[in-house]
Amino acid sequence: MFLERFYPDEYVDSSYGIDYQALYDRGIRGLLFDIDNTLVPHGKPETQRAVELFRRLHGMGFETCLISNNQKPRVEPFAKALESRYLFDAHKPSRKNYLKAMEEMGTDRRTTVFIGDQLFTDVYGAKRSGIYSILVKPIHPKEEIQIVLKRYLERIVLYFYKKSLKK
């Protein structure tokens, strides 16, 4: 089915509620994250909660990389605060930077997970790259108009995704 290319492997409430220990126990060693509405509200700086999450993830042995379609002035200071690798102007859903991130982390498709809040960029790019994807609910509802339009289409895809889980 056409819509399945946009279905996440998991759909959870928050990046902060994921069972990262279970991922680690499953052999996952690299975590790729979107920033806006995945870790913080759109356009906001890092939070203590995000810093603590990344400190915990690194302590567990995970490599991390932020992949954002935003520009360097947004992404670089955020990544530095989280002590994470980063790729800006990533052109998601292009596969290029998902693959580059894995190369930089020393992981591969089997040992990497992508975590993001958008189906048509984050999840679709991860799926195109062969990476397990976790979709999170957006942190904050206030978004730019182009994202609002995408969210409407995402609701349609999520309807069919949830329906497919019941089969």
N, C-alpha and C. Protein backbone atom coordinates (compact mmCIF):
# COMPACT_ATOMS: atom_id res chain seq x y z
N MET A 1 0.83 -1.19 0.00
CA MET A 1 0.00 0.00 0.00
C MET A 1 0.88 1.25 0.00
N PHE A 2 0.48 2.25 -0.70
CA PHE A 2 1.24 3.49 -0.85
C PHE A 2 1.57 4.15 0.48
N LEU A 3 0.61 4.20 1.40
CA LEU A 3 0.80 4.93 2.65
C LEU A 3 1.80 4.27 3.59
N GLU A 4 2.03 2.99 3.43
CA GLU A 4 2.92 2.27 4.34
C GLU A 4 4.34 2.82 4.35
N ARG A 5 4.75 3.47 3.28
CA ARG A 5 6.10 4.05 3.24
C ARG A 5 6.26 5.17 4.27
N PHE A 6 5.15 5.66 4.80
CA PHE A 6 5.18 6.73 5.81
C PHE A 6 4.90 6.22 7.22
N TYR A 7 4.62 4.94 7.37
CA TYR A 7 4.29 4.39 8.68
C TYR A 7 5.56 4.26 9.53
N PRO A 8 5.51 4.75 10.77
CA PRO A 8 6.65 4.55 11.66
C PRO A 8 6.68 3.10 12.15
N ASP A 9 7.82 2.70 12.66
CA ASP A 9 7.92 1.38 13.28
C ASP A 9 7.28 1.39 14.67
N GLU A 10 7.34 2.54 15.32
CA GLU A 10 6.67 2.74 16.61
C GLU A 10 6.11 4.16 16.63
N TYR A 11 5.06 4.34 17.43
CA TYR A 11 4.47 5.66 17.62
C TYR A 11 4.25 5.85 19.11
N VAL A 12 4.95 6.82 19.70
CA VAL A 12 4.91 7.02 21.15
C VAL A 12 4.58 8.48 21.49
N ASP A 13 4.30 8.72 22.74
CA ASP A 13 3.92 10.06 23.17
C ASP A 13 5.07 11.06 23.16
N SER A 14 6.28 10.62 23.53
CA SER A 14 7.36 11.57 23.74
C SER A 14 8.73 10.91 23.61
N SER A 15 9.70 11.69 23.18
CA SER A 15 11.09 11.24 23.16
C SER A 15 11.57 10.89 24.56
N TYR A 16 10.95 11.54 25.54
CA TYR A 16 11.38 11.36 26.92
C TYR A 16 10.76 10.13 27.58
N GLY A 17 9.83 9.47 26.89
CA GLY A 17 9.20 8.28 27.45
C GLY A 17 9.64 6.99 26.78
N ILE A 18 10.57 7.07 25.87
CA ILE A 18 11.05 5.87 25.16
C ILE A 18 11.89 5.02 26.11
N ASP A 19 11.74 3.71 25.99
CA ASP A 19 12.54 2.78 26.79
C ASP A 19 13.89 2.58 26.10
N TYR A 20 14.81 3.48 26.40
CA TYR A 20 16.13 3.43 25.75
C TYR A 20 16.93 2.21 26.18
N GLN A 21 16.72 1.73 27.39
CA GLN A 21 17.41 0.52 27.83
C GLN A 21 17.01 -0.66 26.95
N ALA A 22 15.72 -0.75 26.61
CA ALA A 22 15.25 -1.85 25.74
C ALA A 22 15.90 -1.73 24.37
N LEU A 23 16.05 -0.52 23.86
CA LEU A 23 16.72 -0.34 22.57
C LEU A 23 18.17 -0.80 22.66
N TYR A 24 18.84 -0.41 23.74
CA TYR A 24 20.23 -0.80 23.92
C TYR A 24 20.36 -2.32 24.02
N ASP A 25 19.46 -2.92 24.79
CA ASP A 25 19.47 -4.38 24.95
C ASP A 25 19.23 -5.09 23.63
N ARG A 26 18.54 -4.44 22.71
CA ARG A 26 18.25 -4.99 21.38
C ARG A 26 19.42 -4.81 20.42
N GLY A 27 20.48 -4.14 20.87
CA GLY A 27 21.66 -3.96 20.03
C GLY A 27 21.75 -2.60 19.35
N ILE A 28 20.83 -1.71 19.66
CA ILE A 28 20.88 -0.36 19.09
C ILE A 28 22.01 0.41 19.77
N ARG A 29 22.84 1.07 18.96
CA ARG A 29 23.96 1.84 19.50
C ARG A 29 23.95 3.30 19.02
N GLY A 30 23.18 3.60 17.99
CA GLY A 30 23.13 4.95 17.47
C GLY A 30 21.71 5.48 17.47
N LEU A 31 21.54 6.71 17.98
CA LEU A 31 20.24 7.35 18.01
C LEU A 31 20.30 8.66 17.23
N LEU A 32 19.44 8.76 16.24
CA LEU A 32 19.32 9.98 15.44
C LEU A 32 18.07 10.70 15.90
N PHE A 33 18.17 12.00 16.13
CA PHE A 33 17.04 12.79 16.61
C PHE A 33 16.80 13.99 15.72
N ASP A 34 15.53 14.30 15.50
CA ASP A 34 15.12 15.60 15.02
C ASP A 34 15.17 16.51 16.26
N ILE A 35 15.08 17.83 16.07
CA ILE A 35 15.13 18.75 17.21
C ILE A 35 13.75 19.32 17.53
N ASP A 36 13.24 20.13 16.59
CA ASP A 36 12.02 20.90 16.86
C ASP A 36 10.79 20.02 16.97
N ASN A 37 10.11 20.18 18.07
CA ASN A 37 8.89 19.44 18.42
C ASN A 37 9.15 17.96 18.68
N THR A 38 10.43 17.58 18.69
CA THR A 38 10.83 16.24 19.09
C THR A 38 11.49 16.29 20.46
N LEU A 39 12.42 17.24 20.61
CA LEU A 39 13.13 17.41 21.89
C LEU A 39 12.70 18.66 22.64
N VAL A 40 12.34 19.71 21.90
CA VAL A 40 11.89 20.99 22.47
C VAL A 40 10.81 21.57 21.56
N PRO A 41 10.01 22.52 22.09
CA PRO A 41 9.06 23.20 21.20
C PRO A 41 9.80 23.90 20.05
N HIS A 42 9.12 24.06 18.95
CA HIS A 42 9.72 24.62 17.73
C HIS A 42 10.46 25.93 18.00
N GLY A 43 11.73 25.97 17.60
CA GLY A 43 12.54 27.17 17.70
C GLY A 43 13.11 27.49 19.07
N LYS A 44 12.81 26.69 20.07
CA LYS A 44 13.27 26.97 21.44
C LYS A 44 14.67 26.40 21.67
N PRO A 45 15.41 26.99 22.61
CA PRO A 45 16.74 26.46 22.93
C PRO A 45 16.63 25.15 23.71
N GLU A 46 17.78 24.54 23.93
CA GLU A 46 17.80 23.29 24.69
C GLU A 46 17.24 23.51 26.08
N THR A 47 16.70 22.45 26.62
CA THR A 47 16.18 22.49 27.99
C THR A 47 17.05 21.60 28.86
N GLN A 48 16.93 21.78 30.16
CA GLN A 48 17.67 20.92 31.09
C GLN A 48 17.24 19.47 30.91
N ARG A 49 15.97 19.27 30.59
CA ARG A 49 15.45 17.92 30.36
C ARG A 49 16.16 17.25 29.18
N ALA A 50 16.36 18.01 28.10
CA ALA A 50 17.05 17.47 26.92
C ALA A 50 18.52 17.19 27.24
N VAL A 51 19.17 18.11 27.93
CA VAL A 51 20.57 17.92 28.31
C VAL A 51 20.72 16.67 29.16
N GLU A 52 19.84 16.50 30.13
CA GLU A 52 19.90 15.32 31.01
C GLU A 52 19.63 14.03 30.24
N LEU A 53 18.69 14.07 29.29
CA LEU A 53 18.41 12.88 28.49
C LEU A 53 19.67 12.46 27.72
N PHE A 54 20.32 13.41 27.06
CA PHE A 54 21.50 13.07 26.27
C PHE A 54 22.67 12.64 27.15
N ARG A 55 22.78 13.23 28.31
CA ARG A 55 23.82 12.80 29.25
C ARG A 55 23.59 11.34 29.64
N ARG A 56 22.32 11.00 29.91
CA ARG A 56 21.97 9.62 30.26
C ARG A 56 22.22 8.67 29.10
N LEU A 57 21.82 9.08 27.88
CA LEU A 57 22.02 8.22 26.71
C LEU A 57 23.51 7.96 26.46
N HIS A 58 24.32 9.00 26.55
CA HIS A 58 25.76 8.83 26.35
C HIS A 58 26.35 7.94 27.44
N GLY A 59 25.85 8.10 28.67
CA GLY A 59 26.31 7.25 29.77
C GLY A 59 25.96 5.78 29.57
N MET A 60 24.87 5.54 28.86
CA MET A 60 24.45 4.16 28.57
C MET A 60 25.31 3.54 27.47
N GLY A 61 26.00 4.38 26.70
CA GLY A 61 26.83 3.88 25.61
C GLY A 61 26.30 4.19 24.23
N PHE A 62 25.27 5.01 24.13
CA PHE A 62 24.74 5.39 22.82
C PHE A 62 25.59 6.48 22.18
N GLU A 63 25.70 6.41 20.88
CA GLU A 63 26.17 7.53 20.06
C GLU A 63 24.91 8.29 19.64
N THR A 64 24.99 9.61 19.53
CA THR A 64 23.84 10.39 19.11
C THR A 64 24.21 11.36 18.01
N CYS A 65 23.21 11.70 17.21
CA CYS A 65 23.39 12.70 16.17
C CYS A 65 22.04 13.39 15.94
N LEU A 66 22.06 14.71 15.91
CA LEU A 66 20.87 15.49 15.59
C LEU A 66 20.86 15.72 14.09
N ILE A 67 19.73 15.44 13.45
CA ILE A 67 19.58 15.68 12.01
C ILE A 67 18.43 16.65 11.83
N SER A 68 18.75 17.83 11.34
CA SER A 68 17.74 18.87 11.23
C SER A 68 17.77 19.53 9.85
N ASN A 69 16.60 19.92 9.39
CA ASN A 69 16.52 20.71 8.16
C ASN A 69 16.79 22.19 8.43
N ASN A 70 16.93 22.54 9.71
CA ASN A 70 17.27 23.91 10.07
C ASN A 70 18.72 24.22 9.71
N GLN A 71 19.06 25.50 9.82
CA GLN A 71 20.39 25.98 9.48
C GLN A 71 21.34 25.90 10.68
N LYS A 72 22.62 26.06 10.40
CA LYS A 72 23.67 25.93 11.41
C LYS A 72 23.45 26.80 12.66
N PRO A 73 23.04 28.08 12.52
CA PRO A 73 22.86 28.89 13.74
C PRO A 73 21.81 28.32 14.71
N ARG A 74 20.88 27.55 14.22
CA ARG A 74 19.89 26.90 15.08
C ARG A 74 20.44 25.60 15.65
N VAL A 75 21.06 24.80 14.81
CA VAL A 75 21.41 23.43 15.16
C VAL A 75 22.71 23.33 15.97
N GLU A 76 23.73 24.07 15.58
CA GLU A 76 25.04 23.92 16.23
C GLU A 76 25.03 24.21 17.74
N PRO A 77 24.48 25.35 18.20
CA PRO A 77 24.49 25.57 19.65
C PRO A 77 23.64 24.56 20.42
N PHE A 78 22.55 24.12 19.80
CA PHE A 78 21.70 23.11 20.44
C PHE A 78 22.50 21.82 20.61
N ALA A 79 23.17 21.39 19.55
CA ALA A 79 23.95 20.15 19.59
C ALA A 79 25.10 20.24 20.58
N LYS A 80 25.75 21.39 20.61
CA LYS A 80 26.87 21.56 21.56
C LYS A 80 26.38 21.44 23.00
N ALA A 81 25.22 22.01 23.30
CA ALA A 81 24.66 21.92 24.66
C ALA A 81 24.36 20.48 25.04
N LEU A 82 24.00 19.66 24.04
CA LEU A 82 23.69 18.25 24.28
C LEU A 82 24.90 17.34 24.09
N GLU A 83 26.03 17.95 23.71
CA GLU A 83 27.27 17.21 23.44
C GLU A 83 27.02 16.10 22.42
N SER A 84 26.34 16.47 21.35
CA SER A 84 25.97 15.51 20.32
C SER A 84 26.52 15.91 18.96
N ARG A 85 26.74 14.93 18.13
CA ARG A 85 27.02 15.20 16.72
C ARG A 85 25.79 15.85 16.11
N TYR A 86 25.96 16.47 14.97
CA TYR A 86 24.81 17.09 14.32
C TYR A 86 25.04 17.27 12.83
N LEU A 87 23.95 17.31 12.12
CA LEU A 87 23.93 17.62 10.69
C LEU A 87 22.81 18.62 10.48
N PHE A 88 23.13 19.75 9.88
CA PHE A 88 22.13 20.79 9.64
C PHE A 88 21.82 20.84 8.15
N ASP A 89 20.76 21.54 7.80
CA ASP A 89 20.33 21.65 6.40
C ASP A 89 20.34 20.27 5.75
N ALA A 90 19.71 19.32 6.43
CA ALA A 90 19.82 17.90 6.09
C ALA A 90 18.99 17.46 4.88
N HIS A 91 18.08 18.29 4.45
CA HIS A 91 17.22 17.97 3.31
C HIS A 91 16.44 16.67 3.51
N LYS A 92 16.00 16.44 4.76
CA LYS A 92 15.14 15.28 5.00
C LYS A 92 13.88 15.43 4.14
N PRO A 93 13.44 14.42 3.47
CA PRO A 93 13.69 12.99 3.68
C PRO A 93 14.81 12.39 2.81
N SER A 94 15.70 13.18 2.28
CA SER A 94 16.82 12.63 1.53
C SER A 94 17.60 11.65 2.40
N ARG A 95 18.07 10.58 1.81
CA ARG A 95 18.81 9.54 2.53
C ARG A 95 20.22 9.98 2.92
N LYS A 96 20.76 10.93 2.19
CA LYS A 96 22.17 11.29 2.30
C LYS A 96 22.65 11.50 3.74
N ASN A 97 21.95 12.33 4.49
CA ASN A 97 22.44 12.66 5.83
C ASN A 97 22.09 11.62 6.89
N TYR A 98 21.10 10.80 6.65
CA TYR A 98 20.86 9.66 7.54
C TYR A 98 22.07 8.72 7.43
N LEU A 99 22.51 8.47 6.21
CA LEU A 99 23.65 7.59 5.98
C LEU A 99 24.94 8.20 6.52
N LYS A 100 25.10 9.52 6.32
CA LYS A 100 26.29 10.22 6.83
C LYS A 100 26.34 10.16 8.35
N ALA A 101 25.19 10.33 9.00
CA ALA A 101 25.14 10.28 10.46
C ALA A 101 25.57 8.90 10.97
N MET A 102 25.10 7.85 10.33
CA MET A 102 25.49 6.50 10.75
C MET A 102 26.99 6.31 10.57
N GLU A 103 27.52 6.80 9.48
CA GLU A 103 28.96 6.69 9.24
C GLU A 103 29.74 7.42 10.34
N GLU A 104 29.31 8.61 10.70
CA GLU A 104 29.99 9.38 11.74
C GLU A 104 29.88 8.71 13.11
N MET A 105 28.75 8.04 13.38
CA MET A 105 28.55 7.38 14.67
C MET A 105 29.18 5.99 14.70
N GLY A 106 29.53 5.45 13.53
CA GLY A 106 30.08 4.10 13.49
C GLY A 106 29.01 3.03 13.66
N THR A 107 27.78 3.37 13.24
CA THR A 107 26.68 2.41 13.32
C THR A 107 26.20 2.08 11.92
N ASP A 108 25.24 1.17 11.86
CA ASP A 108 24.65 0.82 10.57
C ASP A 108 23.13 0.77 10.70
N ARG A 109 22.47 0.34 9.64
CA ARG A 109 21.00 0.32 9.63
C ARG A 109 20.40 -0.54 10.74
N ARG A 110 21.08 -1.62 11.07
CA ARG A 110 20.56 -2.55 12.09
C ARG A 110 20.76 -2.03 13.51
N THR A 111 21.71 -1.11 13.69
CA THR A 111 22.05 -0.66 15.04
C THR A 111 21.69 0.81 15.29
N THR A 112 20.83 1.35 14.43
CA THR A 112 20.46 2.76 14.51
C THR A 112 18.95 2.93 14.54
N VAL A 113 18.49 3.91 15.31
CA VAL A 113 17.07 4.27 15.37
C VAL A 113 16.96 5.77 15.14
N PHE A 114 15.92 6.17 14.41
CA PHE A 114 15.64 7.59 14.22
C PHE A 114 14.39 7.96 15.02
N ILE A 115 14.44 9.12 15.68
CA ILE A 115 13.33 9.60 16.51
C ILE A 115 12.95 11.00 16.04
N GLY A 116 11.69 11.17 15.61
CA GLY A 116 11.25 12.47 15.12
C GLY A 116 9.75 12.61 15.19
N ASP A 117 9.26 13.82 14.88
CA ASP A 117 7.84 14.12 15.04
C ASP A 117 7.07 14.26 13.72
N GLN A 118 7.74 14.14 12.57
CA GLN A 118 7.04 14.33 11.30
C GLN A 118 7.14 13.09 10.41
N LEU A 119 6.01 12.71 9.86
CA LEU A 119 5.96 11.54 8.98
C LEU A 119 6.67 11.76 7.66
N PHE A 120 6.42 12.89 7.01
CA PHE A 120 6.85 13.09 5.63
C PHE A 120 8.31 13.50 5.50
N THR A 121 8.95 13.87 6.59
CA THR A 121 10.38 14.16 6.55
C THR A 121 11.13 13.12 7.38
N ASP A 122 10.88 13.09 8.68
CA ASP A 122 11.63 12.23 9.60
C ASP A 122 11.44 10.75 9.33
N VAL A 123 10.21 10.29 9.42
CA VAL A 123 9.92 8.86 9.27
C VAL A 123 10.20 8.39 7.85
N TYR A 124 9.73 9.13 6.87
CA TYR A 124 9.92 8.72 5.48
C TYR A 124 11.42 8.64 5.14
N GLY A 125 12.18 9.62 5.60
CA GLY A 125 13.63 9.58 5.36
C GLY A 125 14.30 8.39 6.01
N ALA A 126 13.89 8.09 7.25
CA ALA A 126 14.45 6.93 7.95
C ALA A 126 14.10 5.64 7.22
N LYS A 127 12.84 5.51 6.83
CA LYS A 127 12.42 4.30 6.12
C LYS A 127 13.17 4.15 4.79
N ARG A 128 13.33 5.26 4.06
CA ARG A 128 14.07 5.21 2.80
C ARG A 128 15.52 4.78 3.02
N SER A 129 16.04 5.07 4.22
CA SER A 129 17.42 4.73 4.55
C SER A 129 17.56 3.37 5.20
N GLY A 130 16.42 2.69 5.44
CA GLY A 130 16.46 1.37 6.06
C GLY A 130 16.63 1.41 7.56
N ILE A 131 16.28 2.53 8.19
CA ILE A 131 16.48 2.71 9.63
C ILE A 131 15.14 2.58 10.35
N TYR A 132 15.15 1.91 11.48
CA TYR A 132 13.99 1.80 12.36
C TYR A 132 13.59 3.21 12.80
N SER A 133 12.29 3.51 12.75
CA SER A 133 11.85 4.87 13.09
C SER A 133 10.83 4.87 14.22
N ILE A 134 10.98 5.85 15.09
CA ILE A 134 10.02 6.07 16.17
C ILE A 134 9.44 7.47 15.98
N LEU A 135 8.14 7.52 15.76
CA LEU A 135 7.44 8.79 15.65
C LEU A 135 6.97 9.20 17.03
N VAL A 136 7.22 10.47 17.38
CA VAL A 136 6.73 11.01 18.65
C VAL A 136 5.69 12.08 18.36
N LYS A 137 4.77 12.25 19.30
CA LYS A 137 3.78 13.31 19.16
C LYS A 137 4.50 14.65 19.31
N PRO A 138 4.11 15.63 18.50
CA PRO A 138 4.76 16.94 18.59
C PRO A 138 4.62 17.54 20.00
N ILE A 139 5.67 18.16 20.49
CA ILE A 139 5.67 18.74 21.83
C ILE A 139 4.70 19.91 21.93
N HIS A 140 4.69 20.75 20.92
CA HIS A 140 3.89 21.98 21.00
C HIS A 140 3.07 22.15 19.73
N PRO A 141 1.79 22.51 19.87
CA PRO A 141 0.91 22.61 18.70
C PRO A 141 1.16 23.82 17.79
N LYS A 142 1.82 24.88 18.30
CA LYS A 142 2.03 26.09 17.50
C LYS A 142 3.18 25.85 16.51
N GLU A 143 2.84 25.85 15.22
CA GLU A 143 3.85 25.58 14.21
C GLU A 143 3.67 26.50 13.01
N GLU A 144 4.68 26.52 12.15
CA GLU A 144 4.62 27.30 10.92
C GLU A 144 3.53 26.74 10.02
N ILE A 145 2.98 27.58 9.14
CA ILE A 145 1.84 27.20 8.30
C ILE A 145 2.12 25.97 7.44
N GLN A 146 3.33 25.86 6.87
CA GLN A 146 3.61 24.70 6.02
C GLN A 146 3.59 23.40 6.82
N ILE A 147 3.97 23.48 8.10
CA ILE A 147 3.92 22.29 8.94
C ILE A 147 2.49 21.98 9.34
N VAL A 148 1.70 23.01 9.57
CA VAL A 148 0.28 22.81 9.90
C VAL A 148 -0.41 22.04 8.78
N LEU A 149 -0.11 22.41 7.54
CA LEU A 149 -0.71 21.72 6.38
C LEU A 149 -0.26 20.25 6.34
N LYS A 150 1.03 20.01 6.62
CA LYS A 150 1.52 18.63 6.65
C LYS A 150 0.87 17.83 7.76
N ARG A 151 0.62 18.47 8.89
CA ARG A 151 0.00 17.77 10.02
C ARG A 151 -1.39 17.26 9.64
N TYR A 152 -2.10 18.03 8.86
CA TYR A 152 -3.43 17.59 8.41
C TYR A 152 -3.30 16.30 7.60
N LEU A 153 -2.34 16.26 6.68
CA LEU A 153 -2.11 15.05 5.88
C LEU A 153 -1.60 13.90 6.75
N GLU A 154 -0.77 14.24 7.73
CA GLU A 154 -0.27 13.21 8.64
C GLU A 154 -1.40 12.53 9.39
N ARG A 155 -2.42 13.29 9.78
CA ARG A 155 -3.56 12.69 10.49
C ARG A 155 -4.22 11.60 9.65
N ILE A 156 -4.29 11.82 8.36
CA ILE A 156 -4.88 10.82 7.46
C ILE A 156 -4.02 9.56 7.45
N VAL A 157 -2.70 9.74 7.30
CA VAL A 157 -1.79 8.59 7.28
C VAL A 157 -1.84 7.86 8.63
N LEU A 158 -1.84 8.61 9.72
CA LEU A 158 -1.88 7.98 11.05
C LEU A 158 -3.17 7.22 11.28
N TYR A 159 -4.27 7.69 10.72
CA TYR A 159 -5.53 6.96 10.81
C TYR A 159 -5.36 5.56 10.23
N PHE A 160 -4.80 5.48 9.02
CA PHE A 160 -4.61 4.18 8.37
C PHE A 160 -3.52 3.35 9.07
N TYR A 161 -2.50 4.02 9.60
CA TYR A 161 -1.45 3.33 10.35
C TYR A 161 -2.06 2.64 11.58
N LYS A 162 -2.84 3.39 12.36
CA LYS A 162 -3.45 2.81 13.56
C LYS A 162 -4.42 1.70 13.20
N LYS A 163 -5.13 1.87 12.10
CA LYS A 163 -6.05 0.84 11.63
C LYS A 163 -5.28 -0.44 11.27
N SER A 164 -4.10 -0.28 10.66
CA SER A 164 -3.30 -1.45 10.26
C SER A 164 -2.78 -2.21 11.48
N LEU A 165 -2.59 -1.52 12.61
CA LEU A 165 -2.10 -2.18 13.82
C LEU A 165 -3.15 -3.10 14.43
N LYS A 166 -4.41 -2.81 14.17
CA LYS A 166 -5.52 -3.60 14.73
C LYS A 166 -5.78 -4.89 13.97
N LYS A 167 -5.17 -5.01 12.79
CA LYS A 167 -5.40 -6.22 11.96
C LYS A 167 -4.67 -7.41 12.50
